Amino acid sequence: MSDEQITLEQAQEHIEALKKQIEELTVKQDEYLNGWKRAQADYVNFKNEQEKHSKELAQFAGMSLVIQFIPLLEHFRNAFVHLPEELKNSEWVKGIEHIQNQMKEALKSMGLEEYNDSVGKLFDPNLHQAVGQEARDDFDDDIVSQEISLGYRYHGRVISPAKVIVNKKNNTNQTCSIELEKSESDDKENNS
């Protein structure tokens, strides 16, 4: 036999070694493929996060501009509420009202929306800022009885809560009794 000839047993050992090497390479291939897939998914997630972050940043920049117009909208609103009856049909007033409507539409297209449906609803600190209380029999406790100024949302997020008056039927009596108890205890301490 020559050196180049191999036995059947050696050939089988060589085949088994090659099979083992193929299995090891297949495992490595799967690891690399899975790693590549993870890297690709991470890149897609990163790209989506960056797009979301850019959008939020643009909205935030827009929000700072929009917020500056809210007092102007409120001044327009108050001016029309207090407009004398004899001026309501004036062409000049109609022109000002048209300007107000154009400004509202421009701000709406930027993502600002106003809400003014608070009266008769349960006070919600996420939507309302209580600026006062009153005792009325036609509303239950913790129900908004008056809306002093509108609330505003920017892209669905409240940026200026509606300023409201909240109904508290028995609040004045409770406040008075608490203050009376406090003053009585203060008097006792002072007399001691």
Protein backbone atom coordinates (compact mmCIF):
# COMPACT_ATOMS: atom_id res chain seq x y z
CA MET A 1 0.00 0.00 0.00
CA SER A 2 1.12 3.46 -0.76
CA ASP A 3 1.04 6.48 1.49
CA GLU A 4 -1.75 7.96 -0.57
CA GLN A 5 -4.08 5.12 0.01
CA ILE A 6 -6.19 5.25 3.13
CA THR A 7 -8.07 2.57 4.84
CA LEU A 8 -11.83 2.42 5.06
CA GLU A 9 -11.62 3.08 8.77
CA GLN A 10 -9.52 6.21 8.22
CA ALA A 11 -11.98 7.42 5.57
CA GLN A 12 -14.88 7.00 7.99
CA GLU A 13 -12.98 8.86 10.69
CA HIS A 14 -12.25 11.64 8.23
CA ILE A 15 -15.93 11.77 7.17
CA GLU A 16 -17.02 11.92 10.83
CA ALA A 17 -14.56 14.74 11.48
CA LEU A 18 -15.92 16.62 8.46
CA LYS A 19 -19.51 16.09 9.66
CA LYS A 20 -18.56 17.41 13.09
CA GLN A 21 -16.86 20.41 11.49
CA ILE A 22 -19.99 21.05 9.36
CA GLU A 23 -22.17 20.93 12.50
CA GLU A 24 -19.87 23.38 14.28
CA LEU A 25 -19.89 25.70 11.28
CA THR A 26 -23.69 25.46 11.04
CA VAL A 27 -23.99 26.44 14.72
CA LYS A 28 -21.62 29.38 14.15
CA GLN A 29 -23.56 30.33 11.01
CA ASP A 30 -26.82 30.34 13.01
CA GLU A 31 -25.18 32.44 15.75
CA TYR A 32 -23.92 34.95 13.18
CA LEU A 33 -27.28 35.02 11.40
CA ASN A 34 -29.15 35.56 14.66
CA GLY A 35 -26.66 38.25 15.68
CA TRP A 36 -27.15 39.96 12.34
CA LYS A 37 -30.95 39.75 12.71
CA ARG A 38 -30.70 41.25 16.23
CA ALA A 39 -28.45 44.02 14.96
CA GLN A 40 -30.89 44.72 12.14
CA ALA A 41 -33.84 44.80 14.58
CA ASP A 42 -31.86 47.07 16.91
CA TYR A 43 -31.15 49.40 14.00
CA VAL A 44 -34.83 49.50 13.01
CA ASN A 45 -35.81 50.19 16.63
CA PHE A 46 -33.14 52.88 16.89
CA LYS A 47 -34.32 54.47 13.66
CA ASN A 48 -37.94 54.44 14.87
CA GLU A 49 -36.93 55.95 18.22
CA GLN A 50 -34.96 58.69 16.47
CA GLU A 51 -37.93 59.50 14.22
CA LYS A 52 -40.23 59.58 17.25
CA HIS A 53 -37.75 61.76 19.15
CA SER A 54 -37.43 64.15 16.19
CA LYS A 55 -41.20 64.40 15.92
CA GLU A 56 -41.55 65.07 19.66
CA LEU A 57 -38.80 67.68 19.47
CA ALA A 58 -40.57 69.43 16.60
CA GLN A 59 -43.84 69.30 18.53
CA PHE A 60 -42.15 70.70 21.61
CA ALA A 61 -40.69 73.56 19.60
CA GLY A 62 -44.12 74.21 18.12
CA MET A 63 -45.72 74.01 21.55
CA SER A 64 -43.60 76.86 22.90
CA LEU A 65 -44.86 79.03 20.04
CA VAL A 66 -48.48 77.93 20.37
CA ILE A 67 -48.53 78.55 24.14
CA GLN A 68 -47.71 82.21 23.52
CA PHE A 69 -50.94 82.60 21.53
CA ILE A 70 -53.27 81.22 24.23
CA PRO A 71 -53.53 84.57 26.11
CA LEU A 72 -54.37 86.27 22.79
CA LEU A 73 -57.16 83.76 22.15
CA GLU A 74 -58.51 84.40 25.65
CA HIS A 75 -58.37 88.19 25.14
CA PHE A 76 -60.32 87.82 21.89
CA ARG A 77 -62.85 85.60 23.62
CA ASN A 78 -63.30 88.01 26.53
CA ALA A 79 -63.56 90.98 24.19
CA PHE A 80 -66.43 89.35 22.30
CA VAL A 81 -68.17 88.31 25.53
CA HIS A 82 -68.14 91.93 26.73
CA LEU A 83 -68.90 93.46 23.33
CA PRO A 84 -71.67 96.08 23.59
CA GLU A 85 -74.86 95.02 21.84
CA GLU A 86 -74.87 98.04 19.49
CA LEU A 87 -71.44 97.04 18.10
CA LYS A 88 -72.16 93.36 17.41
CA ASN A 89 -73.23 93.96 13.79
CA SER A 90 -70.42 96.41 13.02
CA GLU A 91 -68.32 95.54 9.98
CA TRP A 92 -65.19 96.39 11.96
CA VAL A 93 -66.15 93.90 14.68
CA LYS A 94 -66.91 91.27 12.04
CA GLY A 95 -63.44 91.86 10.59
CA ILE A 96 -61.84 91.38 14.02
CA GLU A 97 -63.89 88.22 14.50
CA HIS A 98 -62.65 86.98 11.12
CA ILE A 99 -59.04 87.59 12.25
CA GLN A 100 -59.77 85.66 15.45
CA ASN A 101 -61.17 82.73 13.45
CA GLN A 102 -58.16 82.72 11.12
CA MET A 103 -55.81 82.63 14.10
CA LYS A 104 -57.80 79.76 15.66
CA GLU A 105 -57.66 77.79 12.40
CA ALA A 106 -53.92 78.38 12.01
CA LEU A 107 -53.27 77.21 15.58
CA LYS A 108 -55.60 74.25 15.09
CA SER A 109 -53.58 73.19 12.03
CA MET A 110 -50.47 73.29 14.26
CA GLY A 111 -52.12 70.88 16.74
CA LEU A 112 -53.87 73.21 19.21
CA GLU A 113 -57.41 72.40 20.18
CA GLU A 114 -59.59 74.16 22.72
CA TYR A 115 -62.13 72.50 24.94
CA ASN A 116 -65.02 74.26 26.58
CA ASP A 117 -67.36 71.51 27.66
CA SER A 118 -66.52 71.56 31.38
CA VAL A 119 -69.76 72.97 32.85
CA GLY A 120 -71.86 70.18 34.34
CA LYS A 121 -69.00 67.68 34.42
CA LEU A 122 -67.12 66.24 37.37
CA PHE A 123 -64.04 68.27 38.28
CA ASP A 124 -60.97 66.56 36.79
CA PRO A 125 -57.58 67.97 37.90
CA ASN A 126 -56.08 66.67 34.64
CA LEU A 127 -58.39 68.96 32.64
CA HIS A 128 -59.41 71.69 35.08
CA GLN A 129 -57.82 74.25 37.36
CA ALA A 130 -60.18 75.29 40.15
CA VAL A 131 -60.02 79.05 40.64
CA GLY A 132 -62.98 79.22 43.00
CA GLN A 133 -65.90 77.49 44.64
CA GLU A 134 -69.54 78.30 44.99
CA ALA A 135 -72.59 76.71 46.57
CA ARG A 136 -75.38 76.15 44.04
CA ASP A 137 -78.36 73.87 44.39
CA ASP A 138 -78.57 73.10 40.67
CA PHE A 139 -75.21 71.23 40.69
CA ASP A 140 -73.89 68.38 42.83
CA ASP A 141 -70.66 68.68 44.78
CA ASP A 142 -67.42 68.58 42.75
CA ILE A 143 -69.26 69.47 39.54
CA VAL A 144 -67.96 72.35 37.44
CA SER A 145 -70.54 75.13 37.68
CA GLN A 146 -68.75 77.84 35.68
CA GLU A 147 -65.97 77.97 33.14
CA ILE A 148 -63.83 81.09 33.49
CA SER A 149 -61.46 80.31 30.61
CA LEU A 150 -61.16 77.55 28.04
CA GLY A 151 -58.77 74.65 28.29
CA TYR A 152 -56.25 73.89 25.55
CA ARG A 153 -54.64 70.69 24.28
CA TYR A 154 -51.64 70.42 22.03
CA HIS A 155 -51.59 67.19 20.00
CA GLY A 156 -53.99 65.69 22.55
CA ARG A 157 -51.96 66.70 25.61
CA VAL A 158 -53.39 69.31 28.00
CA ILE A 159 -51.09 72.35 28.02
CA SER A 160 -53.48 74.82 29.65
CA PRO A 161 -56.28 73.45 31.84
CA ALA A 162 -59.69 75.11 31.79
CA LYS A 163 -60.07 77.55 34.69
CA VAL A 164 -63.30 76.67 36.45
CA ILE A 165 -65.52 77.30 39.45
CA VAL A 166 -66.42 74.09 41.31
CA ASN A 167 -69.66 73.56 43.19
CA LYS A 168 -69.35 72.79 46.90
CA LYS A 169 -72.74 73.00 48.60
CA ASN A 170 -71.54 72.56 52.18
CA ASN A 171 -68.00 73.87 51.83
CA THR A 172 -68.62 77.25 53.46
CA ASN A 173 -70.06 75.65 56.59
CA GLN A 174 -67.17 73.19 56.83
CA THR A 175 -64.62 75.93 56.34
CA CYS A 176 -66.29 78.11 58.94
CA SER A 177 -66.54 75.28 61.48
CA ILE A 178 -62.88 74.34 60.95
CA GLU A 179 -61.81 77.96 61.32
CA LEU A 180 -64.05 78.31 64.41
CA GLU A 181 -62.53 75.19 66.00
CA LYS A 182 -59.03 76.48 65.23
CA SER A 183 -59.72 79.90 66.71
CA GLU A 184 -61.29 78.31 69.82
CA SER A 185 -58.21 76.11 70.33
CA ASP A 186 -55.96 79.15 69.77
CA ASP A 187 -57.97 81.08 72.39
CA LYS A 188 -57.58 78.25 74.88
CA GLU A 189 -53.81 78.17 74.31
CA ASN A 190 -53.56 81.94 74.71
CA ASN A 191 -55.60 81.90 77.96
CA SER A 192 -53.50 79.15 79.50
